[in-house]
């Protein structure tokens, strides 16, 4: 028996209601992989998302992928480099921001890679469009990451603020 996998779906706003339109068209949804955590760049031409599969130890490992819009269609997904998708560690939950000084695209993500402060930490890498290359990922630091778990980053472009959930900070409890 094959368990169902997670997929990307589309909804459209019709009046005051959101209406389901089915699976996202393109080369994304696959039979054997869970997909999720998609984010689209401000210009609508780059989509980052996560594929997750169990490894040989039956541990779920997620990796970040990129698809770019070519006219009206999305390109075949490309797995981001091994610096971002460190082998045998999870990289998931992408969010897109902007570097305040260089105005380059910044990709935030969550990972359990070595060098973190706790369970899952928020990491980031800057994308240089001219060079078509990502910088080495960096941990977002102790103002964001704790000995607990940080997840679900969201970058508000208009306020230049990063929002995230944490169970390692003082709050109401859980991932708040």
C-alpha atoms as a PDB file:
ATOM      1  CA  UNK A   1       0.000   0.000   0.000  1.00  0.00           C
ATOM      2  CA  UNK A   2       1.456   3.335  -1.086  1.00  0.00           C
ATOM      3  CA  UNK A   3       0.745   6.220   1.269  1.00  0.00           C
ATOM      4  CA  UNK A   4      -0.460   9.469  -0.315  1.00  0.00           C
ATOM      5  CA  UNK A   5       2.108  12.215  -0.823  1.00  0.00           C
ATOM      6  CA  UNK A   6       1.741  15.929  -0.274  1.00  0.00           C
ATOM      7  CA  UNK A   7       1.268  18.054  -3.388  1.00  0.00           C
ATOM      8  CA  UNK A   8       0.999  21.701  -4.443  1.00  0.00           C
ATOM      9  CA  UNK A   9      -2.482  22.979  -5.240  1.00  0.00           C
ATOM     10  CA  UNK A  10      -3.935  26.210  -6.640  1.00  0.00           C
ATOM     11  CA  UNK A  11      -6.829  28.334  -5.394  1.00  0.00           C
ATOM     12  CA  UNK A  12      -8.289  31.438  -7.013  1.00  0.00           C
ATOM     13  CA  UNK A  13     -10.258  34.222  -5.377  1.00  0.00           C
ATOM     14  CA  UNK A  14     -13.706  34.570  -6.902  1.00  0.00           C
ATOM     15  CA  UNK A  15     -15.520  37.469  -5.283  1.00  0.00           C
ATOM     16  CA  UNK A  16     -15.014  37.056  -1.540  1.00  0.00           C
ATOM     17  CA  UNK A  17     -14.393  33.293  -1.725  1.00  0.00           C
ATOM     18  CA  UNK A  18     -11.288  31.190  -2.389  1.00  0.00           C
ATOM     19  CA  UNK A  19     -12.068  28.366  -4.800  1.00  0.00           C
ATOM     20  CA  UNK A  20      -9.892  25.250  -5.195  1.00  0.00           C
ATOM     21  CA  UNK A  21      -8.609  24.846  -8.770  1.00  0.00           C
ATOM     22  CA  UNK A  22      -6.774  21.526  -8.388  1.00  0.00           C
ATOM     23  CA  UNK A  23      -3.107  20.601  -8.568  1.00  0.00           C
ATOM     24  CA  UNK A  24      -0.537  23.195  -9.627  1.00  0.00           C
ATOM     25  CA  UNK A  25       0.309  22.690 -13.287  1.00  0.00           C
ATOM     26  CA  UNK A  26       3.934  22.111 -14.091  1.00  0.00           C
ATOM     27  CA  UNK A  27       6.715  19.658 -13.349  1.00  0.00           C
ATOM     28  CA  UNK A  28       6.243  19.682  -9.556  1.00  0.00           C
ATOM     29  CA  UNK A  29       3.942  17.039  -8.131  1.00  0.00           C
ATOM     30  CA  UNK A  30       5.462  13.554  -8.225  1.00  0.00           C
ATOM     31  CA  UNK A  31       4.150  10.155  -7.178  1.00  0.00           C
ATOM     32  CA  UNK A  32       6.922   9.228  -4.721  1.00  0.00           C
ATOM     33  CA  UNK A  33       7.917  12.599  -3.228  1.00  0.00           C
ATOM     34  CA  UNK A  34       6.241  14.900  -0.748  1.00  0.00           C
ATOM     35  CA  UNK A  35       6.323  18.491  -1.972  1.00  0.00           C
ATOM     36  CA  UNK A  36       5.596  21.657  -0.084  1.00  0.00           C
ATOM     37  CA  UNK A  37       6.662  24.969   1.299  1.00  0.00           C
ATOM     38  CA  UNK A  38       6.626  26.797  -2.033  1.00  0.00           C
ATOM     39  CA  UNK A  39       7.460  30.492  -2.342  1.00  0.00           C
ATOM     40  CA  UNK A  40       7.513  32.634  -5.508  1.00  0.00           C
ATOM     41  CA  UNK A  41       9.868  35.578  -6.078  1.00  0.00           C
ATOM     42  CA  UNK A  42       8.436  39.114  -6.249  1.00  0.00           C
ATOM     43  CA  UNK A  43       8.788  39.179 -10.052  1.00  0.00           C
ATOM     44  CA  UNK A  44       6.936  35.848 -10.321  1.00  0.00           C
ATOM     45  CA  UNK A  45       9.772  34.122 -12.207  1.00  0.00           C
ATOM     46  CA  UNK A  46      11.449  31.938  -9.550  1.00  0.00           C
ATOM     47  CA  UNK A  47       9.776  29.371  -7.326  1.00  0.00           C
ATOM     48  CA  UNK A  48      11.598  27.668  -4.462  1.00  0.00           C
ATOM     49  CA  UNK A  49      10.043  24.606  -2.856  1.00  0.00           C
ATOM     50  CA  UNK A  50      10.824  21.461  -0.906  1.00  0.00           C
ATOM     51  CA  UNK A  51      10.878  17.790  -1.890  1.00  0.00           C
ATOM     52  CA  UNK A  52      11.002  15.340   1.030  1.00  0.00           C
ATOM     53  CA  UNK A  53      11.815  11.618   0.938  1.00  0.00           C
ATOM     54  CA  UNK A  54      12.849   9.031   3.488  1.00  0.00           C
ATOM     55  CA  UNK A  55      16.537   8.136   3.424  1.00  0.00           C
ATOM     56  CA  UNK A  56      18.121   4.726   3.968  1.00  0.00           C
ATOM     57  CA  UNK A  57      17.646   5.152   7.743  1.00  0.00           C
ATOM     58  CA  UNK A  58      13.900   5.785   7.220  1.00  0.00           C
ATOM     59  CA  UNK A  59      14.465   9.435   8.249  1.00  0.00           C
ATOM     60  CA  UNK A  60      12.587  12.113   6.306  1.00  0.00           C
ATOM     61  CA  UNK A  61      15.120  14.394   4.556  1.00  0.00           C
ATOM     62  CA  UNK A  62      13.993  17.504   2.694  1.00  0.00           C
ATOM     63  CA  UNK A  63      15.863  19.399  -0.018  1.00  0.00           C
ATOM     64  CA  UNK A  64      15.291  22.765  -1.656  1.00  0.00           C
ATOM     65  CA  UNK A  65      14.588  23.003  -5.372  1.00  0.00           C
ATOM     66  CA  UNK A  66      14.173  25.850  -7.842  1.00  0.00           C
ATOM     67  CA  UNK A  67      11.998  26.181 -10.925  1.00  0.00           C
ATOM     68  CA  UNK A  68      12.106  29.232 -13.187  1.00  0.00           C
ATOM     69  CA  UNK A  69       9.354  30.573 -15.402  1.00  0.00           C
ATOM     70  CA  UNK A  70      10.101  30.246 -19.107  1.00  0.00           C
ATOM     71  CA  UNK A  71       7.424  32.243 -20.922  1.00  0.00           C
ATOM     72  CA  UNK A  72       4.239  30.695 -19.462  1.00  0.00           C
ATOM     73  CA  UNK A  73       5.715  27.390 -18.250  1.00  0.00           C
ATOM     74  CA  UNK A  74       7.857  26.385 -15.282  1.00  0.00           C
ATOM     75  CA  UNK A  75      11.236  24.743 -15.930  1.00  0.00           C
ATOM     76  CA  UNK A  76      12.118  21.292 -14.654  1.00  0.00           C
ATOM     77  CA  UNK A  77      13.009  21.622 -10.960  1.00  0.00           C
ATOM     78  CA  UNK A  78      16.704  21.910 -10.162  1.00  0.00           C
ATOM     79  CA  UNK A  79      18.044  20.811  -6.782  1.00  0.00           C
ATOM     80  CA  UNK A  80      20.006  23.634  -5.156  1.00  0.00           C
ATOM     81  CA  UNK A  81      23.703  22.981  -4.538  1.00  0.00           C
ATOM     82  CA  UNK A  82      25.139  20.759  -1.783  1.00  0.00           C
ATOM     83  CA  UNK A  83      26.150  23.791   0.282  1.00  0.00           C
ATOM     84  CA  UNK A  84      22.460  24.608   0.670  1.00  0.00           C
ATOM     85  CA  UNK A  85      21.192  20.998   0.588  1.00  0.00           C
ATOM     86  CA  UNK A  86      23.882  19.567   2.829  1.00  0.00           C
ATOM     87  CA  UNK A  87      23.779  15.776   2.279  1.00  0.00           C
ATOM     88  CA  UNK A  88      21.928  13.798   4.996  1.00  0.00           C
ATOM     89  CA  UNK A  89      20.466  16.966   6.574  1.00  0.00           C
ATOM     90  CA  UNK A  90      17.159  18.705   5.991  1.00  0.00           C
ATOM     91  CA  UNK A  91      16.784  22.038   4.161  1.00  0.00           C
ATOM     92  CA  UNK A  92      13.156  23.159   3.963  1.00  0.00           C
ATOM     93  CA  UNK A  93      10.609  25.990   4.333  1.00  0.00           C
ATOM     94  CA  UNK A  94      12.043  28.589   1.930  1.00  0.00           C
ATOM     95  CA  UNK A  95      11.226  32.283   2.256  1.00  0.00           C
ATOM     96  CA  UNK A  96      12.441  35.090  -0.002  1.00  0.00           C
ATOM     97  CA  UNK A  97      13.779  38.403   1.243  1.00  0.00           C
ATOM     98  CA  UNK A  98      16.013  41.216   0.012  1.00  0.00           C
ATOM     99  CA  UNK A  99      19.447  42.257   1.263  1.00  0.00           C
ATOM    100  CA  UNK A 100      19.124  45.852   2.455  1.00  0.00           C
ATOM    101  CA  UNK A 101      22.511  46.999   1.139  1.00  0.00           C
ATOM    102  CA  UNK A 102      22.912  45.065  -2.127  1.00  0.00           C
ATOM    103  CA  UNK A 103      19.197  44.577  -2.922  1.00  0.00           C
ATOM    104  CA  UNK A 104      20.043  40.975  -3.906  1.00  0.00           C
ATOM    105  CA  UNK A 105      17.523  38.196  -3.361  1.00  0.00           C
ATOM    106  CA  UNK A 106      18.006  36.387  -0.021  1.00  0.00           C
ATOM    107  CA  UNK A 107      16.761  32.849   0.438  1.00  0.00           C
ATOM    108  CA  UNK A 108      15.896  31.998   4.046  1.00  0.00           C
ATOM    109  CA  UNK A 109      15.354  28.344   4.944  1.00  0.00           C
ATOM    110  CA  UNK A 110      15.210  25.974   7.889  1.00  0.00           C
ATOM    111  CA  UNK A 111      17.834  23.277   8.461  1.00  0.00           C
ATOM    112  CA  UNK A 112      19.129  20.832  11.065  1.00  0.00           C
ATOM    113  CA  UNK A 113      22.670  21.062   9.662  1.00  0.00           C
ATOM    114  CA  UNK A 114      25.756  21.246  11.862  1.00  0.00           C
ATOM    115  CA  UNK A 115      26.680  24.698  13.148  1.00  0.00           C
ATOM    116  CA  UNK A 116      23.185  25.515  14.329  1.00  0.00           C
ATOM    117  CA  UNK A 117      22.046  26.658  17.771  1.00  0.00           C
ATOM    118  CA  UNK A 118      19.496  23.881  18.351  1.00  0.00           C
ATOM    119  CA  UNK A 119      17.095  21.532  16.537  1.00  0.00           C
ATOM    120  CA  UNK A 120      16.023  23.333  13.364  1.00  0.00           C
ATOM    121  CA  UNK A 121      17.500  26.794  12.771  1.00  0.00           C
ATOM    122  CA  UNK A 122      16.831  29.567  10.281  1.00  0.00           C
ATOM    123  CA  UNK A 123      19.657  29.902   7.739  1.00  0.00           C
ATOM    124  CA  UNK A 124      20.062  32.216   4.751  1.00  0.00           C
ATOM    125  CA  UNK A 125      21.975  32.557   1.509  1.00  0.00           C
ATOM    126  CA  UNK A 126      22.202  35.484  -0.881  1.00  0.00           C
ATOM    127  CA  UNK A 127      21.606  34.946  -4.611  1.00  0.00           C
ATOM    128  CA  UNK A 128      23.767  36.953  -7.030  1.00  0.00           C
ATOM    129  CA  UNK A 129      21.738  37.301 -10.208  1.00  0.00           C
ATOM    130  CA  UNK A 130      24.678  38.458 -12.356  1.00  0.00           C
ATOM    131  CA  UNK A 131      26.784  35.477 -11.322  1.00  0.00           C
ATOM    132  CA  UNK A 132      23.751  33.140 -11.169  1.00  0.00           C
ATOM    133  CA  UNK A 133      25.180  31.788  -7.912  1.00  0.00           C
ATOM    134  CA  UNK A 134      24.322  31.496  -4.216  1.00  0.00           C
ATOM    135  CA  UNK A 135      26.723  32.507  -1.441  1.00  0.00           C
ATOM    136  CA  UNK A 136      27.569  29.957   1.254  1.00  0.00           C
ATOM    137  CA  UNK A 137      24.642  29.619   3.688  1.00  0.00           C
ATOM    138  CA  UNK A 138      24.935  31.339   7.066  1.00  0.00           C
ATOM    139  CA  UNK A 139      23.111  30.744  10.317  1.00  0.00           C
ATOM    140  CA  UNK A 140      20.749  33.641  11.117  1.00  0.00           C
ATOM    141  CA  UNK A 141      22.369  33.951  14.571  1.00  0.00           C
ATOM    142  CA  UNK A 142      21.334  33.882  18.213  1.00  0.00           C
ATOM    143  CA  UNK A 143      18.885  36.818  17.954  1.00  0.00           C
ATOM    144  CA  UNK A 144      16.712  34.461  15.901  1.00  0.00           C
ATOM    145  CA  UNK A 145      17.858  30.904  16.634  1.00  0.00           C
ATOM    146  CA  UNK A 146      17.743  29.218  20.032  1.00  0.00           C
ATOM    147  CA  UNK A 147      18.560  25.807  21.501  1.00  0.00           C
ATOM    148  CA  UNK A 148      15.010  24.847  20.475  1.00  0.00           C
ATOM    149  CA  UNK A 149      13.413  24.702  17.045  1.00  0.00           C
ATOM    150  CA  UNK A 150      12.822  27.644  14.711  1.00  0.00           C
ATOM    151  CA  UNK A 151      10.665  27.177  11.634  1.00  0.00           C
ATOM    152  CA  UNK A 152       8.249  28.707   9.104  1.00  0.00           C
ATOM    153  CA  UNK A 153      10.243  31.848   8.221  1.00  0.00           C
ATOM    154  CA  UNK A 154       8.373  34.607   6.383  1.00  0.00           C
ATOM    155  CA  UNK A 155      10.029  37.788   5.155  1.00  0.00           C
ATOM    156  CA  UNK A 156       7.820  40.873   4.816  1.00  0.00           C
ATOM    157  CA  UNK A 157       9.336  42.803   1.899  1.00  0.00           C
ATOM    158  CA  UNK A 158       7.555  46.069   2.768  1.00  0.00           C
ATOM    159  CA  UNK A 159       8.713  46.221   6.412  1.00  0.00           C
ATOM    160  CA  UNK A 160      12.025  44.329   5.891  1.00  0.00           C
ATOM    161  CA  UNK A 161      11.184  42.066   8.842  1.00  0.00           C
ATOM    162  CA  UNK A 162      11.653  38.332   9.214  1.00  0.00           C
ATOM    163  CA  UNK A 163       8.898  36.459  11.055  1.00  0.00           C
ATOM    164  CA  UNK A 164       9.265  32.872  12.272  1.00  0.00           C
ATOM    165  CA  UNK A 165       8.029  30.383  14.863  1.00  0.00           C
ATOM    166  CA  UNK A 166      10.107  29.164  17.802  1.00  0.00           C
ATOM    167  CA  UNK A 167       9.722  26.828  20.746  1.00  0.00           C
ATOM    168  CA  UNK A 168      12.989  28.046  22.275  1.00  0.00           C
ATOM    169  CA  UNK A 169      11.927  31.599  23.131  1.00  0.00           C
ATOM    170  CA  UNK A 170       9.795  32.802  26.051  1.00  0.00           C
ATOM    171  CA  UNK A 171       6.186  33.009  24.933  1.00  0.00           C
ATOM    172  CA  UNK A 172       2.867  31.243  25.171  1.00  0.00           C
ATOM    173  CA  UNK A 173       4.396  27.814  24.563  1.00  0.00           C
ATOM    174  CA  UNK A 174       4.887  25.556  21.571  1.00  0.00           C
ATOM    175  CA  UNK A 175       5.925  27.128  18.288  1.00  0.00           C
ATOM    176  CA  UNK A 176       4.838  30.726  18.889  1.00  0.00           C
END
